[in-house]
Amino acid sequence: MRARMIGLCAMLLAAFAVSQAAAQGTTRVTIKNPDPAKWAGRNNFFSRSTGVYTCRALACPDAAQVTASIANSPTRSPDPQALAKLAARIPESVAQANANIASGMAPGRKIEKMSSGVTTLRGYPAIVQETRMVGGEKGPIYLAKASIFAKSALIHISSVSSSPELARRYRELFIKAMEVEDTPVPR
């Protein structure tokens, strides 16, 4: 049940959609499993650009899951003000997720925004957010998400755990493990 709720939380907080842009060069992103002995990973059957990593039994203090997905970025260099506007829409997404929960997806649960903002991760502009899902049988569930604009790639890394510190730590662990290779459009 708890693992299902962790998955539900991750799905509900796919906070914002960004449209794809025209060809802007090639950015190859690889999300590597930072510790295969600790994390069991699998790719989406239909897409090589999505991976789900679950902490193995007894390897983490509590259930934890990290999801990584890669899409086309709308631009190679996003405007900082545009990113700030996009980050400002996160409360709307949380309100919509709460409306979905109230309509029967996970009765008795509520999502609360803890923080969000614009930052730089690994030298790339990014939007980070942290949320908490409360009202469950076993206590709150925390989500730490980063959307990283790495040249022509948009990378989403979401970490879910029963502790905000662990959710943050696991998100950062997978961000450190990603590899980015960029080939800009020749001029």
Protein backbone atom coordinates (compact mmCIF):
# COMPACT_ATOMS: atom_id res chain seq x y z
CA MET A 1 0.00 0.00 0.00
CA ARG A 2 2.76 2.46 0.93
CA ALA A 3 4.66 1.79 -2.30
CA ARG A 4 1.44 2.39 -4.27
CA MET A 5 0.94 5.70 -2.44
CA ILE A 6 4.54 6.70 -3.21
CA GLY A 7 3.87 5.98 -6.90
CA LEU A 8 0.60 7.92 -6.74
CA CYS A 9 2.35 10.89 -5.15
CA ALA A 10 4.97 10.91 -7.90
CA MET A 11 2.30 10.75 -10.61
CA LEU A 12 0.13 13.45 -9.04
CA LEU A 13 3.01 15.87 -8.85
CA ALA A 14 4.02 15.85 -12.47
CA ALA A 15 3.59 19.53 -11.80
CA PHE A 16 3.85 21.19 -15.12
CA ALA A 17 4.08 20.37 -18.79
CA VAL A 18 6.47 22.11 -21.14
CA SER A 19 6.01 22.03 -24.91
CA GLN A 20 8.75 20.68 -27.12
CA ALA A 21 10.82 22.97 -29.33
CA ALA A 22 12.41 22.66 -32.74
CA ALA A 23 15.80 21.05 -33.21
CA GLN A 24 18.38 22.90 -31.15
CA GLY A 25 21.30 20.56 -31.15
CA THR A 26 21.69 17.23 -29.48
CA THR A 27 21.96 16.73 -25.76
CA ARG A 28 22.47 13.18 -24.61
CA VAL A 29 21.60 12.55 -20.97
CA THR A 30 22.28 9.34 -19.10
CA ILE A 31 20.93 8.80 -15.61
CA LYS A 32 23.20 6.23 -14.02
CA ASN A 33 22.28 4.13 -11.03
CA PRO A 34 24.62 5.57 -8.35
CA ASP A 35 24.65 2.34 -6.31
CA PRO A 36 23.21 -0.83 -7.95
CA ALA A 37 23.63 -2.73 -4.67
CA LYS A 38 21.24 -0.26 -2.99
CA TRP A 39 18.90 0.74 -5.84
CA ALA A 40 16.93 -1.61 -8.08
CA GLY A 41 16.35 0.23 -11.35
CA ARG A 42 14.21 -0.34 -14.39
CA ASN A 43 13.38 1.61 -17.51
CA ASN A 44 9.90 2.20 -18.83
CA PHE A 45 9.08 -0.59 -21.29
CA PHE A 46 8.01 1.86 -24.01
CA SER A 47 10.60 4.57 -23.42
CA ARG A 48 14.32 4.53 -22.78
CA SER A 49 14.05 8.07 -21.40
CA THR A 50 12.27 7.12 -18.16
CA GLY A 51 13.72 5.17 -15.27
CA VAL A 52 12.37 4.17 -11.86
CA TYR A 53 14.75 3.25 -9.06
CA THR A 54 13.50 1.69 -5.83
CA CYS A 55 15.64 1.31 -2.74
CA ARG A 56 16.16 -2.38 -2.02
CA ALA A 57 14.76 -3.93 1.16
CA LEU A 58 16.83 -2.98 4.21
CA ALA A 59 19.15 -0.74 2.15
CA CYS A 60 17.32 2.46 3.17
CA PRO A 61 15.77 3.47 6.50
CA ASP A 62 12.31 3.38 4.87
CA ALA A 63 10.70 2.91 1.45
CA ALA A 64 12.18 5.26 -1.14
CA GLN A 65 11.83 5.68 -4.89
CA VAL A 66 13.49 7.93 -7.48
CA THR A 67 11.99 8.56 -10.91
CA ALA A 68 13.99 10.13 -13.71
CA SER A 69 12.65 11.21 -17.08
CA ILE A 70 14.16 13.05 -20.02
CA ALA A 71 12.31 15.12 -22.62
CA ASN A 72 13.09 17.88 -25.12
CA SER A 73 13.62 21.30 -23.56
CA PRO A 74 11.68 24.17 -25.11
CA THR A 75 14.92 26.20 -25.37
CA ARG A 76 18.65 25.73 -24.89
CA SER A 77 18.85 28.70 -22.50
CA PRO A 78 15.64 29.48 -20.59
CA ASP A 79 15.04 33.03 -19.44
CA PRO A 80 15.34 33.31 -15.63
CA GLN A 81 12.10 35.35 -15.39
CA ALA A 82 10.21 32.75 -17.44
CA LEU A 83 11.50 30.01 -15.12
CA ALA A 84 10.40 32.04 -12.08
CA LYS A 85 6.90 32.36 -13.59
CA LEU A 86 6.79 28.62 -14.22
CA ALA A 87 7.89 27.92 -10.63
CA ALA A 88 5.19 30.31 -9.39
CA ARG A 89 2.58 28.00 -10.98
CA ILE A 90 3.52 25.11 -8.68
CA PRO A 91 0.89 26.06 -6.05
CA GLU A 92 -1.78 25.81 -8.80
CA SER A 93 -0.55 22.29 -9.60
CA VAL A 94 -0.71 21.33 -5.93
CA ALA A 95 -4.27 22.70 -5.70
CA GLN A 96 -5.25 20.67 -8.80
CA ALA A 97 -3.68 17.53 -7.31
CA ASN A 98 -5.64 18.10 -4.10
CA ALA A 99 -8.84 18.44 -6.15
CA ASN A 100 -8.06 15.10 -7.83
CA ILE A 101 -7.44 13.49 -4.46
CA ALA A 102 -10.72 14.84 -3.09
CA SER A 103 -12.56 13.41 -6.08
CA GLY A 104 -11.62 9.89 -5.05
CA MET A 105 -8.08 9.06 -6.22
CA ALA A 106 -6.75 8.87 -2.63
CA PRO A 107 -9.42 9.91 -0.14
CA GLY A 108 -8.22 11.41 3.13
CA ARG A 109 -4.92 12.61 1.68
CA LYS A 110 -3.74 16.18 1.11
CA ILE A 111 -0.67 17.57 -0.65
CA GLU A 112 1.15 20.56 0.87
CA LYS A 113 3.79 22.65 -0.88
CA MET A 114 6.85 23.00 1.35
CA SER A 115 9.11 24.99 -0.98
CA SER A 116 9.79 25.76 -4.62
CA GLY A 117 12.02 28.03 -6.62
CA VAL A 118 14.58 28.53 -9.35
CA THR A 119 18.20 27.51 -8.88
CA THR A 120 21.22 26.12 -10.72
CA LEU A 121 22.04 22.40 -10.57
CA ARG A 122 25.22 21.01 -12.12
CA GLY A 123 25.63 24.35 -13.91
CA TYR A 124 22.18 24.26 -15.54
CA PRO A 125 19.08 26.31 -14.72
CA ALA A 126 16.53 24.33 -12.74
CA ILE A 127 13.23 24.49 -10.89
CA VAL A 128 13.10 22.64 -7.59
CA GLN A 129 10.12 21.84 -5.41
CA GLU A 130 9.39 19.96 -2.24
CA THR A 131 5.95 18.76 -1.21
CA ARG A 132 4.45 16.64 1.53
CA MET A 133 1.46 14.29 1.28
CA VAL A 134 -0.33 13.95 4.62
CA GLY A 135 -3.33 12.05 5.89
CA GLY A 136 -2.22 8.49 5.32
CA GLU A 137 -2.10 5.53 7.61
CA LYS A 138 1.69 5.52 8.04
CA GLY A 139 2.49 9.22 8.19
CA PRO A 140 3.56 11.81 5.64
CA ILE A 141 5.30 11.14 2.34
CA TYR A 142 7.79 13.70 1.00
CA LEU A 143 8.61 14.47 -2.63
CA ALA A 144 11.75 16.36 -3.71
CA LYS A 145 11.67 17.17 -7.43
CA ALA A 146 14.08 18.93 -9.78
CA SER A 147 13.41 19.96 -13.38
CA ILE A 148 16.80 20.66 -14.97
CA PHE A 149 17.13 22.50 -18.29
CA ALA A 150 20.37 20.96 -19.64
CA LYS A 151 20.81 22.51 -23.08
CA SER A 152 18.25 20.80 -25.38
CA ALA A 153 17.17 18.29 -22.70
CA LEU A 154 14.68 18.73 -19.87
CA ILE A 155 15.43 16.29 -17.04
CA HIS A 156 12.92 15.59 -14.25
CA ILE A 157 14.23 13.81 -11.17
CA SER A 158 11.71 13.08 -8.40
CA SER A 159 12.57 11.43 -5.11
CA VAL A 160 9.92 10.13 -2.71
CA SER A 161 10.57 9.07 0.89
CA SER A 162 9.07 9.20 4.39
CA SER A 163 11.69 11.83 5.36
CA PRO A 164 12.24 15.22 3.70
CA GLU A 165 16.00 14.94 4.29
CA LEU A 166 16.17 11.52 2.64
CA ALA A 167 14.02 12.65 -0.29
CA ARG A 168 16.43 15.57 -0.85
CA ARG A 169 19.53 13.40 -0.41
CA TYR A 170 18.32 10.78 -2.90
CA ARG A 171 17.34 13.46 -5.46
CA GLU A 172 20.85 14.97 -5.19
CA LEU A 173 22.46 11.51 -5.42
CA PHE A 174 20.82 10.86 -8.80
CA ILE A 175 21.51 14.39 -10.05
CA LYS A 176 25.22 13.82 -9.31
CA ALA A 177 25.09 10.50 -11.19
CA MET A 178 23.66 11.94 -14.41
CA GLU A 179 25.92 12.48 -17.41
CA VAL A 180 25.25 15.21 -19.99
CA GLU A 181 26.91 15.35 -23.42
CA ASP A 182 25.96 18.27 -25.65
CA THR A 183 26.46 18.87 -29.37
CA PRO A 184 25.16 22.32 -30.34
CA VAL A 185 23.69 23.05 -33.79
CA PRO A 186 26.55 23.97 -36.19
CA ARG A 187 26.42 27.60 -37.31
